[in-house]
Protein backbone atom coordinates (compact mmCIF):
# COMPACT_ATOMS: atom_id res chain seq x y z
CA MET A 1 87.14 209.37 -34.77
CA ASP A 2 84.93 209.26 -32.08
CA ALA A 3 84.62 206.61 -28.75
CA GLU A 4 82.36 204.23 -31.01
CA THR A 5 84.47 204.05 -34.13
CA HIS A 6 88.02 202.70 -35.01
CA ALA A 7 89.44 202.33 -38.67
CA GLY A 8 86.06 202.54 -39.94
CA ALA A 9 84.42 199.85 -37.78
CA SER A 10 81.30 200.57 -35.41
CA VAL A 11 79.90 198.51 -32.42
CA PRO A 12 76.74 197.44 -33.11
CA LYS A 13 74.73 198.29 -30.35
CA GLY A 14 70.44 198.36 -29.91
CA LEU A 15 67.98 198.45 -27.18
CA VAL A 16 66.39 195.50 -25.20
CA ASP A 17 62.70 195.00 -26.09
CA ASP A 18 60.34 193.59 -23.41
CA ARG A 19 60.16 190.26 -24.89
CA GLU A 20 63.90 189.64 -25.01
CA GLY A 21 66.86 189.23 -22.97
CA GLU A 22 70.25 191.23 -23.01
CA LEU A 23 71.91 188.35 -25.01
CA ALA A 24 69.23 188.12 -27.56
CA ALA A 25 69.22 191.77 -28.44
CA SER A 26 72.62 192.14 -28.82
CA GLN A 27 72.29 189.13 -31.33
CA ARG A 28 69.76 190.90 -33.01
CA ALA A 29 71.41 194.24 -33.33
CA ILE A 30 74.76 192.31 -34.74
CA VAL A 31 72.26 190.70 -37.13
CA GLU A 32 70.27 193.95 -38.18
CA GLU A 33 73.47 196.03 -38.51
CA ILE A 34 76.20 193.74 -40.10
CA GLY A 35 73.48 191.15 -41.87
CA THR A 36 75.42 187.96 -40.18
CA ARG A 37 74.57 185.76 -37.29
CA ILE A 38 77.82 185.17 -34.84
CA ARG A 39 78.06 181.77 -33.23
CA GLY A 40 79.98 180.67 -30.01
CA ARG A 41 80.39 181.23 -26.78
CA PHE A 42 79.35 184.51 -25.47
CA GLU A 43 80.40 186.36 -22.08
CA ARG A 44 78.82 189.30 -20.40
CA ILE A 45 81.85 192.00 -19.78
CA GLY A 46 79.98 194.10 -17.81
CA LYS A 47 77.32 197.09 -17.06
CA ASP A 48 77.63 200.80 -16.57
CA LYS A 49 75.45 203.72 -16.33
CA GLN A 50 76.06 206.75 -18.33
CA ARG A 51 75.67 210.14 -17.06
CA GLY A 52 72.34 210.74 -19.01
CA GLY A 53 70.94 207.31 -17.05
CA LYS A 54 71.28 205.06 -20.37
CA ILE A 55 72.34 201.93 -19.16
CA ILE A 56 75.32 200.12 -21.64
CA ILE A 57 75.56 196.40 -21.01
CA ALA A 58 78.79 194.30 -22.73
């Protein structure tokens, strides 16, 4: 089992387009990967930069 999966589930992820913000990109990735919208309050947990330079926002 790798770092992105647990019990057969994976974390939706994607890139932020120039025309959208971080929250909109997250919501779009969820719809694209699991086929449904999630309603409710969203809260930014944090931001980290990987060794390769990719920025991860949760």
